Amino acid sequence: MITGAQAIVRALEAEQVTTVFGYPGAAIMPFYDALLDSSIKHVLTRHEQGAAHAASGYARSSGRTGVCIATSGPGATNLITGIATAYMDSIPLVAITGQVVSSLIGSDSFQEADITGACSPFTKHTYLVRRAEDLPRIVREAFYIASSGRQGPVLIDLPLDIQAASFSDSEPVTLDLPGYHPALKPDPDAIDQLADRLVQAKRPILCAGGGVISAGASDALRRLAEQLDLPVVTTLMGIGVLPAGHSHYLGTLGSHGVFAANYALHQADLVVLAGARVGNRAMGSAAEIARHAQIIHIDIDPAEIGKNITTDLAIVGDIHLALDGLLDRRIAIRHADWLAQVQTIRDDAEFDAFTESPSSVVHPPTLLHLIGEACPPDTILTTEVGQNQIWAANFFPVRQPRTFISSGGMGTMGYGLPAALGAKVAFPDRTVLAVSGDGSLQMSLQELGTIRQEKAAVKIVLLNNSRLGMVHEMQSLKYKRYSQVFLEENPDFEYLALAYGFGYARLSSNDQIRAAVDAMLADPRPYLLECIVSPQEPTLYPRKKGSA
C-alpha cells in the first residue's frame, strides 16, 4: 500500500526526473513529505512564478521536461504566467499543484482556486485528480503529452485527500490516449514536391524556428543548407540553429531582426518555414511575403499551418524526419549565386552598431560581442524582455542549439533570471549568463536568494539605463513624450549584490569591458556586472550610408 503522494513521487522517478522547482504550502504538504524519501533534488524558489520559469530554463537547456510544484490558491495562480510563457514557446513542462480536499472543491474554501479551468487556454491538457489509483497513469500521460508532438505544459491538480489516500500500487501502467496521436511521419509525396520546388526556385531560403531545436534537427538543417547553398534565417526562438558566423546564416528576422535576414525573406521566391509559428513580430508582413513567394510550411502541429500565412505546400510531421527525407533525395542543385548575393548584404557593414559611444556609458553591441568572444562555445545565455533581449539576440554570438533562452511568444519580463537558474541547475559546470535590464531584473529580484542558496554561479549582466528602455524608446518615437518609464530611484545594485554575497563590478565605458568580463568569468561566485547604458541608446541601428 502506498499513498497518493508517494505514488506521484514514484511516478516522477519512473520518468527519470532528477530535479523539480517549487514552493510548498498546506495543500501540497503530503507530496513534500514523500519527496524527502526520494533522490529527486528540489530547488526552493522564492516565488512560484520563479519556479515555473526555472523549470522552463531547465527544460530548454537540457531537452528534458521541466517540473514545477506549488500549493493551492495563490500558489497555483502564481504559476500561471510561467505556464502561459511555456505554452507560447512550446516548452515541455509538468506543473503539479495542491488543491483543497475534494469535498470542498467548488465551495470557495480557503486557498481554493479553479486552476485547471484557469490554465485550460494555455496548457496542452489539465488533470483534476479524483482517485489516487489514477496517479501513476496520469503522471505518465502528462509527461508523454508534454514532450510529444508540439511540446507544451500539462497541469496536474492534486487534492489534499487524494495525496493522503492509500491504495495498492500493483497494476502496470499502460499508455492509451485515444484521440491524441501526433503526426510524426511526413508525407513522402510532400517531401518529393518540396525537393522539386527547391530545384526550380531561384531564390529559396530556410526560415528556422524553435521547432527545429525542439526536434533536435539543427544538424540536419545545417547539412541541407550546405548541400544546396541555402541562406538561413531564424526567428527569435530559432537562434542557435546555426552557429553565429556560419557562412549560410543571415541572422534573426522580424521587426527587431537584422536587415540581411529581412531582405532575403522579402526577395525570396521560395520560403521554407521549419518549426516556426509565423508570429507577427517575426513576420508581420506575412501576407505580402506570400504574394511573391511560394510558402512551404513544415510543422508538427497542423493547427499552425495556414493560420498566419497562406501556404502553398503543407508538410505535417516531425521536422527532423522531414529534413532527413530531403537529404535522402540528394537534390542535385546549388544556389551559390543567390547565397553570395545575400552574403554580400550581410557582410557589407549593414548596421553601424559598432561605433564609438560616449565615454561615460557602455555600448551594448560592443559589450555583448566582447562577452561572447570571451565565453566558451557552450555558454548558455538567457535574456529578459525589452532592449536587452534584442541586443543579445543580434550581437551575442550564439554558437550551439539550446544555448539562447528567451521568452518569445509571451514576452515575459522577469523570465531571464529564474530561467538562468534552471539552466545552471541542469548544467552546473557550464557558463550561464543572464542578460537583463534594470526594469526586468526587478520583476524577479527575489530569485537572487534562490541563486545564493543553490550556490549557482549565474553571471548577471545588468544593462542599466534607469528606464523601461523599450517602452521609453517607443514613446519617444510615437508620442514625443514619456509616461511612467523612469526608474531614477533604482536600488544600489552594488549593495544588493553584496547583500547576497555575489561578486560585483560596475562598467561605465567600453575600455573597461574586457578586464571586467574576464574578472566576472574567473570569479567562482554568482556575479552581477552592472553596465551603465545611455537612456537614448536605440534598440536597432541605422545601416551605414552607401551599404547595399
Protein backbone atom coordinates (compact mmCIF):
# COMPACT_ATOMS: atom_id res chain seq x y z
CA MET A 1 0.00 0.00 0.00
CA ILE A 2 1.23 3.48 -0.86
CA THR A 3 -0.27 6.93 -0.55
CA GLY A 4 -1.15 9.18 -3.45
CA ALA A 5 1.75 11.44 -2.52
CA GLN A 6 4.16 8.51 -2.61
CA ALA A 7 2.68 7.38 -5.91
CA ILE A 8 3.29 10.69 -7.62
CA VAL A 9 6.89 10.80 -6.36
CA ARG A 10 7.47 7.25 -7.63
CA ALA A 11 5.91 8.20 -10.95
CA LEU A 12 8.28 11.16 -11.26
CA GLU A 13 11.20 8.84 -10.58
CA ALA A 14 9.89 6.48 -13.25
CA GLU A 15 10.01 9.41 -15.68
CA GLN A 16 13.67 9.88 -14.70
CA VAL A 17 13.01 13.27 -13.15
CA THR A 18 16.06 14.38 -11.17
CA THR A 19 15.15 17.98 -10.34
CA VAL A 20 11.95 19.88 -9.56
CA PHE A 21 11.38 23.56 -8.74
CA GLY A 22 8.74 24.66 -6.29
CA TYR A 23 7.35 26.31 -3.20
CA PRO A 24 5.44 24.33 -0.53
CA GLY A 25 2.17 25.07 1.24
CA ALA A 26 -0.52 23.33 3.25
CA ALA A 27 -2.39 21.75 0.32
CA ILE A 28 0.75 20.13 -1.13
CA MET A 29 2.39 19.05 2.18
CA PRO A 30 1.87 15.27 1.76
CA PHE A 31 3.75 15.42 -1.54
CA TYR A 32 6.60 17.37 0.03
CA ASP A 33 6.83 14.85 2.87
CA ALA A 34 7.02 11.96 0.39
CA LEU A 35 9.68 13.83 -1.58
CA LEU A 36 12.03 13.52 1.42
CA ASP A 37 12.33 9.80 0.72
CA SER A 38 13.29 10.38 -2.91
CA SER A 39 16.56 11.14 -4.63
CA ILE A 40 14.86 13.93 -6.59
CA LYS A 41 16.50 17.31 -5.99
CA HIS A 42 14.12 20.11 -5.04
CA VAL A 43 15.03 23.73 -5.71
CA LEU A 44 13.15 26.11 -3.40
CA THR A 45 12.49 29.26 -5.39
CA ARG A 46 11.40 32.47 -3.72
CA HIS A 47 8.20 32.78 -5.76
CA GLU A 48 6.07 30.23 -7.62
CA GLN A 49 6.42 32.15 -10.87
CA GLY A 50 10.17 31.76 -10.49
CA ALA A 51 9.66 28.01 -10.15
CA ALA A 52 7.80 27.84 -13.46
CA HIS A 53 10.41 29.97 -15.25
CA ALA A 54 13.29 27.99 -13.73
CA ALA A 55 11.67 24.73 -14.85
CA SER A 56 11.35 26.26 -18.32
CA GLY A 57 15.03 27.24 -18.41
CA TYR A 58 15.93 23.74 -17.22
CA ALA A 59 13.81 22.19 -19.98
CA ARG A 60 15.05 24.43 -22.76
CA SER A 61 18.73 23.98 -21.96
CA SER A 62 18.58 20.23 -21.28
CA GLY A 63 15.84 18.99 -23.61
CA ARG A 64 14.12 17.26 -20.68
CA THR A 65 10.65 18.03 -19.36
CA GLY A 66 10.72 20.62 -16.60
CA VAL A 67 8.70 20.16 -13.39
CA CYS A 68 7.34 22.88 -11.08
CA ILE A 69 5.33 22.49 -7.88
CA ALA A 70 3.02 24.84 -5.97
CA THR A 71 0.32 24.74 -3.35
CA SER A 72 -3.34 25.62 -3.92
CA GLY A 73 -4.91 29.04 -4.39
CA PRO A 74 -2.34 31.83 -4.79
CA GLY A 75 0.49 29.31 -5.08
CA ALA A 76 -1.18 27.77 -8.10
CA THR A 77 -2.22 31.07 -9.66
CA ASN A 78 1.32 32.39 -9.29
CA LEU A 79 2.39 29.66 -11.72
CA ILE A 80 0.06 30.90 -14.45
CA THR A 81 2.40 33.39 -16.14
CA GLY A 82 5.16 30.77 -16.27
CA ILE A 83 2.79 28.15 -17.67
CA ALA A 84 1.50 30.58 -20.31
CA THR A 85 5.07 31.51 -21.22
CA ALA A 86 5.94 27.83 -21.74
CA TYR A 87 2.80 27.30 -23.81
CA MET A 88 3.55 30.15 -26.20
CA ASP A 89 7.12 28.92 -26.74
CA SER A 90 6.25 25.18 -26.88
CA ILE A 91 8.30 24.20 -23.82
CA PRO A 92 7.65 20.79 -22.18
CA LEU A 93 6.56 21.42 -18.61
CA VAL A 94 4.60 19.49 -15.99
CA ALA A 95 3.09 21.68 -13.28
CA ILE A 96 1.83 19.97 -10.11
CA THR A 97 -0.46 21.97 -7.84
CA GLY A 98 -2.00 21.16 -4.48
CA GLN A 99 -5.76 21.56 -4.12
CA VAL A 100 -8.23 21.67 -1.24
CA VAL A 101 -9.85 18.38 -0.24
CA SER A 102 -12.24 17.01 -2.86
CA SER A 103 -15.38 17.56 -0.78
CA LEU A 104 -14.66 21.32 -0.55
CA ILE A 105 -14.00 21.93 -4.24
CA GLY A 106 -16.48 24.49 -5.50
CA SER A 107 -17.31 25.91 -2.06
CA ASP A 108 -14.84 28.84 -2.19
CA SER A 109 -12.91 27.33 0.69
CA PHE A 110 -9.67 28.77 1.99
CA GLN A 111 -6.99 28.93 -0.71
CA GLU A 112 -9.19 27.28 -3.33
CA ALA A 113 -8.78 28.23 -6.99
CA ASP A 114 -10.04 26.55 -10.14
CA ILE A 115 -6.55 26.23 -11.53
CA THR A 116 -7.48 23.62 -14.16
CA GLY A 117 -10.10 26.00 -15.53
CA ALA A 118 -7.80 28.99 -15.32
CA CYS A 119 -4.98 27.21 -17.17
CA SER A 120 -7.00 25.36 -19.80
CA PRO A 121 -6.47 28.02 -22.52
CA PHE A 122 -2.69 27.69 -22.35
CA THR A 123 -1.95 24.08 -21.46
CA LYS A 124 -1.95 21.04 -23.68
CA HIS A 125 -4.02 19.23 -21.04
CA THR A 126 -5.08 19.53 -17.41
CA TYR A 127 -5.95 16.90 -14.81
CA LEU A 128 -8.01 17.30 -11.65
CA VAL A 129 -7.21 14.02 -9.91
CA ARG A 130 -10.25 12.22 -8.48
CA ARG A 131 -8.69 8.88 -7.44
CA ALA A 132 -5.26 8.15 -6.00
CA GLU A 133 -5.18 4.93 -8.06
CA ASP A 134 -5.09 7.02 -11.23
CA LEU A 135 -1.92 8.89 -10.32
CA PRO A 136 0.68 6.56 -11.91
CA ARG A 137 -1.24 6.65 -15.20
CA ILE A 138 -1.87 10.40 -15.04
CA VAL A 139 1.79 11.26 -14.45
CA ARG A 140 2.91 9.05 -17.30
CA GLU A 141 0.33 10.57 -19.63
CA ALA A 142 1.26 14.08 -18.54
CA PHE A 143 4.92 13.61 -19.40
CA TYR A 144 4.09 11.97 -22.72
CA ILE A 145 1.70 14.76 -23.71
CA ALA A 146 4.11 17.50 -22.60
CA SER A 147 7.08 16.09 -24.53
CA SER A 148 5.45 14.69 -27.68
CA GLY A 149 4.12 16.36 -30.78
CA ARG A 150 4.20 20.11 -30.33
CA GLN A 151 5.62 20.29 -26.84
CA GLY A 152 3.98 22.29 -24.08
CA PRO A 153 2.81 22.44 -20.46
CA VAL A 154 0.49 19.99 -18.70
CA LEU A 155 -1.11 20.67 -15.30
CA ILE A 156 -1.91 18.09 -12.59
CA ASP A 157 -4.14 19.43 -9.80
CA LEU A 158 -3.86 17.23 -6.73
CA PRO A 159 -6.47 17.48 -3.92
CA LEU A 160 -5.15 17.08 -0.40
CA ASP A 161 -7.26 13.97 0.35
CA ILE A 162 -6.04 12.27 -2.84
CA GLN A 163 -2.45 12.77 -1.72
CA ALA A 164 -3.23 11.16 1.64
CA ALA A 165 -5.34 8.26 0.31
CA SER A 166 -3.77 4.78 0.25
CA PHE A 167 -4.06 2.17 -2.47
CA SER A 168 -2.32 -0.95 -3.73
CA ASP A 169 0.21 0.03 -6.35
CA SER A 170 0.19 -3.23 -8.27
CA GLU A 171 -1.38 -2.53 -11.65
CA PRO A 172 1.02 -1.97 -14.58
CA VAL A 173 0.78 1.46 -16.17
CA THR A 174 -0.29 1.45 -19.81
CA LEU A 175 -0.36 4.46 -22.08
CA ASP A 176 -3.62 4.68 -24.00
CA LEU A 177 -4.70 8.11 -25.22
CA PRO A 178 -7.49 7.81 -27.79
CA GLY A 179 -7.60 10.94 -29.92
CA TYR A 180 -4.05 12.01 -29.16
CA HIS A 181 -1.81 10.78 -31.95
CA PRO A 182 0.73 13.41 -33.02
CA ALA A 183 1.59 13.09 -36.71
CA LEU A 184 5.28 12.26 -36.79
CA LYS A 185 6.00 10.83 -40.24
CA PRO A 186 5.75 13.42 -43.04
CA ASP A 187 4.03 12.51 -46.29
CA PRO A 188 6.76 11.24 -48.69
CA ASP A 189 4.92 12.77 -51.65
CA ALA A 190 5.04 16.17 -49.97
CA ILE A 191 8.78 15.78 -49.42
CA ASP A 192 9.16 14.96 -53.13
CA GLN A 193 7.20 18.09 -54.03
CA LEU A 194 9.39 20.20 -51.79
CA ALA A 195 12.52 18.73 -53.38
CA ASP A 196 11.18 19.60 -56.85
CA ARG A 197 10.38 23.18 -55.80
CA LEU A 198 13.84 23.65 -54.32
CA VAL A 199 15.28 22.63 -57.69
CA GLN A 200 13.03 25.07 -59.57
CA ALA A 201 13.47 28.02 -57.21
CA LYS A 202 15.90 30.83 -57.96
CA ARG A 203 15.98 32.48 -54.54
CA PRO A 204 14.99 29.98 -51.81
CA ILE A 205 15.61 30.45 -48.11
CA LEU A 206 15.20 28.35 -44.97
CA CYS A 207 13.43 30.04 -42.06
CA ALA A 208 14.07 28.08 -38.85
CA GLY A 209 12.01 28.44 -35.69
CA GLY A 210 12.20 26.92 -32.24
CA GLY A 211 10.65 23.69 -33.54
CA VAL A 212 13.94 22.80 -35.24
CA ILE A 213 15.75 22.99 -31.90
CA SER A 214 13.00 21.11 -30.04
CA ALA A 215 13.19 18.32 -32.62
CA GLY A 216 16.97 18.06 -32.36
CA ALA A 217 17.13 18.82 -36.08
CA SER A 218 19.71 21.62 -36.12
CA ASP A 219 22.43 19.46 -37.65
CA ALA A 220 20.08 18.18 -40.36
CA LEU A 221 19.12 21.75 -41.24
CA ARG A 222 22.77 22.77 -41.40
CA ARG A 223 23.61 19.88 -43.72
CA LEU A 224 20.69 20.73 -46.02
CA ALA A 225 21.68 24.40 -46.14
CA GLU A 226 25.28 23.49 -47.00
CA GLN A 227 24.24 20.85 -49.53
CA LEU A 228 22.07 23.29 -51.52
CA ASP A 229 23.75 26.60 -50.61
CA LEU A 230 20.58 27.86 -48.97
CA PRO A 231 20.55 31.06 -46.90
CA VAL A 232 19.18 30.51 -43.38
CA VAL A 233 17.26 33.00 -41.24
CA THR A 234 15.78 32.34 -37.82
CA THR A 235 13.05 33.57 -35.57
CA LEU A 236 13.99 34.60 -32.03
CA MET A 237 13.24 31.06 -30.83
CA GLY A 238 15.38 29.58 -33.61
CA ILE A 239 18.59 31.35 -32.60
CA GLY A 240 21.35 28.74 -32.26
CA VAL A 241 20.16 26.52 -35.12
CA LEU A 242 23.34 27.58 -36.94
CA PRO A 243 26.35 28.96 -35.10
CA ALA A 244 26.98 32.68 -35.31
CA GLY A 245 29.44 33.29 -38.12
CA HIS A 246 28.30 30.34 -40.22
CA SER A 247 28.58 31.29 -43.88
CA HIS A 248 24.91 30.49 -44.61
CA TYR A 249 23.40 32.25 -41.59
CA LEU A 250 21.97 35.73 -42.11
CA GLY A 251 20.58 36.37 -38.62
CA THR A 252 17.23 36.93 -36.97
CA LEU A 253 14.30 38.25 -38.96
CA GLY A 254 11.36 40.38 -37.93
CA SER A 255 10.63 43.83 -36.57
CA HIS A 256 13.71 43.68 -34.34
CA GLY A 257 15.83 41.48 -36.57
CA VAL A 258 18.70 42.33 -38.89
CA PHE A 259 18.48 43.84 -42.35
CA ALA A 260 20.06 40.94 -44.25
CA ALA A 261 17.57 38.40 -42.89
CA ASN A 262 14.57 40.58 -43.68
CA TYR A 263 15.97 41.49 -47.10
CA ALA A 264 16.40 37.83 -48.03
CA LEU A 265 12.90 36.98 -46.85
CA HIS A 266 11.34 39.72 -48.99
CA GLN A 267 13.45 38.85 -52.05
CA ALA A 268 12.95 35.08 -51.87
CA ASP A 269 10.76 33.22 -54.34
CA LEU A 270 10.53 30.15 -52.06
CA VAL A 271 10.37 30.26 -48.25
CA VAL A 272 10.67 27.01 -46.32
CA LEU A 273 9.28 27.60 -42.83
CA ALA A 274 10.58 24.92 -40.47
CA GLY A 275 9.07 24.81 -37.00
CA ALA A 276 8.10 28.48 -36.95
CA ARG A 277 4.75 29.91 -35.82
CA VAL A 278 4.83 32.87 -38.21
CA GLY A 279 4.13 35.24 -35.35
CA ASN A 280 3.55 38.90 -36.17
CA ARG A 281 6.79 40.00 -34.50
CA ALA A 282 8.82 37.69 -36.73
CA MET A 283 6.84 38.04 -39.94
CA GLY A 284 4.45 40.95 -39.63
CA SER A 285 4.02 41.33 -43.40
CA ALA A 286 3.26 37.66 -43.93
CA ALA A 287 0.53 38.36 -46.48
CA GLU A 288 2.90 40.49 -48.55
CA ILE A 289 5.60 37.82 -48.45
CA ALA A 290 3.13 35.15 -49.52
CA ARG A 291 2.13 37.19 -52.57
CA HIS A 292 5.55 36.95 -54.20
CA ALA A 293 6.98 33.72 -52.78
CA GLN A 294 5.89 30.13 -52.52
CA ILE A 295 5.45 29.23 -48.86
CA ILE A 296 6.32 25.73 -47.67
CA HIS A 297 5.45 25.16 -44.03
CA ILE A 298 6.85 22.19 -42.10
CA ASP A 299 5.42 21.79 -38.62
CA ILE A 300 4.37 19.02 -36.27
CA ASP A 301 1.25 20.99 -35.31
CA PRO A 302 -1.26 21.08 -38.18
CA ALA A 303 -3.10 23.95 -36.48
CA GLU A 304 -0.17 26.29 -37.19
CA ILE A 305 -0.09 25.65 -40.93
CA GLY A 306 -2.09 28.25 -42.79
CA LYS A 307 -3.03 30.09 -39.59
CA ASN A 308 -0.99 33.24 -40.17
CA ILE A 309 0.25 32.89 -43.74
CA THR A 310 -1.11 31.38 -46.93
CA THR A 311 0.68 28.10 -47.54
CA ASP A 312 1.41 26.56 -50.94
CA LEU A 313 2.60 23.24 -49.55
CA ALA A 314 1.96 21.87 -46.04
CA ILE A 315 4.18 19.19 -44.55
CA VAL A 316 2.87 17.95 -41.21
CA GLY A 317 5.24 15.89 -39.14
CA ASP A 318 8.48 15.73 -37.24
CA ILE A 319 10.90 18.31 -38.66
CA HIS A 320 13.87 16.01 -38.18
CA LEU A 321 12.20 13.33 -40.32
CA ALA A 322 11.24 15.91 -42.94
CA LEU A 323 14.77 17.31 -43.24
CA ASP A 324 16.28 13.82 -43.28
CA GLY A 325 13.86 12.96 -46.08
CA LEU A 326 15.07 15.94 -48.10
CA LEU A 327 18.70 15.00 -47.51
CA ASP A 328 17.96 11.46 -48.69
CA ARG A 329 16.71 12.86 -52.02
CA ARG A 330 20.25 14.13 -52.72
CA ILE A 331 18.98 17.18 -54.59
CA ALA A 332 21.46 17.99 -57.34
CA ILE A 333 21.35 21.77 -57.40
CA ARG A 334 23.11 24.59 -55.61
CA HIS A 335 22.04 28.18 -55.16
CA ALA A 336 25.52 29.65 -54.84
CA ASP A 337 24.81 32.91 -56.72
CA TRP A 338 21.76 33.72 -54.58
CA LEU A 339 23.66 32.85 -51.41
CA ALA A 340 26.56 35.09 -52.45
CA GLN A 341 24.15 37.97 -53.05
CA VAL A 342 22.68 37.87 -49.56
CA GLN A 343 26.08 37.20 -48.00
CA THR A 344 27.23 40.48 -49.53
CA ILE A 345 24.27 42.26 -47.96
CA ARG A 346 25.10 40.69 -44.59
CA ASP A 347 28.81 41.41 -44.76
CA ASP A 348 28.60 44.94 -46.14
CA ALA A 349 28.51 46.59 -42.72
CA GLU A 350 24.71 46.54 -42.75
CA PHE A 351 24.47 48.02 -39.26
CA ASP A 352 26.52 50.89 -37.94
CA ALA A 353 26.34 49.32 -34.50
CA PHE A 354 29.99 49.26 -33.53
CA THR A 355 30.56 52.99 -33.41
CA GLU A 356 32.13 55.00 -30.67
CA SER A 357 29.75 55.74 -27.83
CA PRO A 358 30.13 58.46 -25.15
CA SER A 359 32.91 57.68 -22.73
CA SER A 360 30.56 57.77 -19.76
CA VAL A 361 28.38 54.84 -20.88
CA VAL A 362 28.68 51.30 -22.20
CA HIS A 363 27.76 50.43 -25.79
CA PRO A 364 25.52 47.30 -25.70
CA PRO A 365 26.55 45.79 -29.08
CA THR A 366 30.22 46.11 -28.20
CA LEU A 367 29.63 44.73 -24.71
CA LEU A 368 27.69 41.67 -25.87
CA HIS A 369 30.07 40.96 -28.74
CA LEU A 370 33.09 41.05 -26.43
CA ILE A 371 31.38 38.93 -23.77
CA GLY A 372 30.57 36.37 -26.44
CA GLU A 373 34.16 36.30 -27.60
CA ALA A 374 35.36 35.67 -24.02
CA CYS A 375 32.85 32.89 -23.23
CA PRO A 376 33.15 29.17 -24.09
CA PRO A 377 31.12 27.99 -27.12
CA ASP A 378 28.66 26.08 -24.90
CA THR A 379 27.79 29.14 -22.80
CA ILE A 380 24.06 29.38 -22.08
CA LEU A 381 22.61 32.86 -22.41
CA THR A 382 19.22 33.82 -21.03
CA THR A 383 17.59 37.18 -21.54
CA GLU A 384 14.82 39.26 -20.12
CA VAL A 385 12.41 41.11 -22.42
CA GLY A 386 12.97 44.54 -23.91
CA GLN A 387 16.03 46.22 -25.36
CA ASN A 388 18.37 43.78 -23.59
CA GLN A 389 16.69 40.88 -25.40
CA ILE A 390 17.11 42.41 -28.85
CA TRP A 391 20.70 43.49 -28.28
CA ALA A 392 21.56 39.99 -27.07
CA ALA A 393 19.76 38.33 -29.99
CA ASN A 394 21.56 40.46 -32.57
CA PHE A 395 25.04 40.82 -31.11
CA PHE A 396 25.88 37.93 -28.79
CA PRO A 397 27.49 35.14 -30.87
CA VAL A 398 25.31 32.09 -30.10
CA ARG A 399 27.16 29.00 -31.30
CA GLN A 400 25.09 25.98 -30.25
CA PRO A 401 21.42 24.97 -30.07
CA ARG A 402 19.74 25.23 -26.67
CA THR A 403 22.08 27.97 -25.52
CA PHE A 404 19.88 31.01 -26.25
CA ILE A 405 16.90 31.10 -23.89
CA SER A 406 14.40 33.94 -24.03
CA SER A 407 10.66 34.48 -23.78
CA GLY A 408 9.45 34.79 -27.36
CA GLY A 409 5.71 34.46 -27.78
CA MET A 410 4.59 35.84 -24.42
CA GLY A 411 7.42 38.36 -23.96
CA THR A 412 7.55 37.84 -20.20
CA MET A 413 9.58 40.28 -18.14
CA GLY A 414 11.13 38.53 -15.16
CA TYR A 415 11.80 35.35 -17.15
CA GLY A 416 15.53 35.53 -17.71
CA LEU A 417 16.91 35.36 -14.15
CA PRO A 418 14.98 32.26 -12.98
CA ALA A 419 15.48 30.66 -16.41
CA ALA A 420 19.23 31.11 -15.93
CA LEU A 421 18.94 29.44 -12.54
CA GLY A 422 17.18 26.48 -14.15
CA ALA A 423 19.83 26.19 -16.85
CA LYS A 424 22.62 26.37 -14.27
CA VAL A 425 20.98 23.61 -12.22
CA ALA A 426 20.83 21.50 -15.38
CA PHE A 427 24.47 22.25 -16.28
CA PRO A 428 26.40 23.30 -13.17
CA ASP A 429 29.75 23.15 -14.96
CA ARG A 430 28.82 25.44 -17.86
CA THR A 431 28.91 29.22 -18.00
CA VAL A 432 25.39 30.65 -17.69
CA LEU A 433 24.76 34.33 -18.37
CA ALA A 434 21.56 36.24 -17.59
CA VAL A 435 21.30 39.45 -19.61
CA SER A 436 18.83 41.84 -18.02
CA GLY A 437 17.57 45.39 -17.97
CA ASP A 438 17.12 47.22 -14.68
CA GLY A 439 13.34 47.10 -15.05
CA SER A 440 13.05 43.41 -15.85
CA LEU A 441 15.59 42.34 -13.22
CA GLN A 442 13.34 43.81 -10.55
CA MET A 443 10.47 41.62 -11.78
CA SER A 444 12.17 38.56 -10.28
CA LEU A 445 14.75 40.06 -7.95
CA GLN A 446 13.80 37.66 -5.15
CA GLU A 447 15.35 34.75 -7.09
CA LEU A 448 18.77 36.11 -6.18
CA GLY A 449 18.08 34.35 -2.88
CA THR A 450 17.50 31.05 -4.69
CA ILE A 451 20.71 31.51 -6.65
CA ARG A 452 22.58 32.09 -3.41
CA GLN A 453 21.01 29.10 -1.68
CA GLU A 454 21.81 26.82 -4.62
CA LYS A 455 25.33 28.25 -4.94
CA ALA A 456 24.55 28.58 -8.65
CA ALA A 457 27.26 30.76 -10.17
CA VAL A 458 24.99 32.59 -12.60
CA LYS A 459 26.60 35.65 -14.17
CA ILE A 460 24.15 38.55 -14.39
CA VAL A 461 24.87 41.24 -16.97
CA LEU A 462 22.68 44.20 -15.99
CA LEU A 463 22.15 46.86 -18.66
CA ASN A 464 21.13 49.82 -16.51
CA ASN A 465 19.64 52.83 -18.27
CA SER A 466 17.29 53.84 -15.40
CA ARG A 467 14.38 53.38 -17.79
CA LEU A 468 11.88 50.88 -19.02
CA GLY A 469 14.05 51.06 -22.12
CA MET A 470 11.93 49.72 -24.95
CA VAL A 471 8.74 51.45 -23.83
CA HIS A 472 10.74 54.67 -23.36
CA GLU A 473 12.04 54.33 -26.92
CA MET A 474 8.59 53.58 -28.35
CA GLN A 475 7.04 56.55 -26.54
CA SER A 476 9.80 58.78 -27.88
CA LEU A 477 9.13 57.68 -31.46
CA LYS A 478 5.34 57.70 -31.31
CA TYR A 479 4.28 60.32 -28.76
CA LYS A 480 7.35 62.54 -28.28
CA ARG A 481 6.74 62.46 -24.53
CA TYR A 482 7.03 59.93 -21.73
CA SER A 483 4.69 58.26 -19.27
CA GLN A 484 5.74 56.03 -16.35
CA VAL A 485 9.02 54.74 -17.76
CA PHE A 486 11.55 56.36 -15.41
CA LEU A 487 13.44 54.27 -12.84
CA GLU A 488 15.60 57.01 -11.40
CA GLU A 489 15.26 55.60 -7.87
CA ASN A 490 16.67 52.17 -8.61
CA PRO A 491 18.32 50.37 -5.70
CA ASP A 492 22.05 50.48 -5.28
CA PHE A 493 22.83 47.30 -7.17
CA GLU A 494 26.31 47.06 -5.65
CA TYR A 495 24.87 46.82 -2.15
CA LEU A 496 22.27 44.39 -3.43
CA ALA A 497 24.97 42.12 -4.85
CA LEU A 498 26.97 42.35 -1.63
CA ALA A 499 23.87 41.54 0.43
CA TYR A 500 23.60 38.22 -1.39
CA GLY A 501 27.33 37.53 -1.37
CA PHE A 502 27.73 37.97 -5.13
CA GLY A 503 30.72 39.31 -6.95
CA TYR A 504 30.15 42.77 -8.38
CA ALA A 505 31.65 45.30 -10.78
CA ARG A 506 30.35 48.47 -12.41
CA LEU A 507 31.13 49.42 -16.00
CA SER A 508 30.70 52.90 -17.39
CA SER A 509 32.90 52.86 -20.51
CA ASN A 510 33.84 50.49 -23.29
CA ASP A 511 37.55 50.46 -22.46
CA GLN A 512 36.77 48.64 -19.20
CA ILE A 513 34.82 45.80 -20.81
CA ARG A 514 37.48 43.16 -21.44
CA ALA A 515 39.03 43.34 -18.00
CA ALA A 516 35.64 43.36 -16.29
CA VAL A 517 34.35 40.39 -18.29
CA ASP A 518 37.49 38.39 -17.56
CA ALA A 519 37.12 39.10 -13.85
CA MET A 520 33.44 38.11 -13.90
CA LEU A 521 34.10 34.82 -15.67
CA ALA A 522 37.02 33.99 -13.36
CA ASP A 523 35.01 34.58 -10.17
CA PRO A 524 33.57 31.29 -8.83
CA ARG A 525 30.62 33.09 -7.20
CA PRO A 526 27.39 34.36 -8.72
CA TYR A 527 28.23 37.74 -10.18
CA LEU A 528 26.46 40.99 -11.03
CA LEU A 529 28.11 43.12 -13.72
CA GLU A 530 26.28 46.45 -13.80
CA CYS A 531 26.73 48.26 -17.11
CA ILE A 532 25.63 51.89 -17.40
CA VAL A 533 23.83 52.40 -20.72
CA SER A 534 22.56 55.61 -22.24
CA PRO A 535 18.76 56.03 -21.99
CA GLN A 536 18.89 57.17 -25.64
CA GLU A 537 20.63 54.02 -26.89
CA PRO A 538 18.50 52.63 -29.74
CA THR A 539 17.30 49.05 -29.97
CA LEU A 540 18.12 48.92 -33.69
CA TYR A 541 20.91 50.70 -35.52
CA PRO A 542 20.78 52.50 -38.89
CA ARG A 543 22.59 51.00 -41.82
CA LYS A 544 25.75 52.72 -42.91
CA LYS A 545 25.42 55.18 -45.75
CA GLY A 546 26.31 53.56 -49.04
CA SER A 547 25.81 49.97 -47.85
CA ALA A 548 23.92 47.68 -50.19
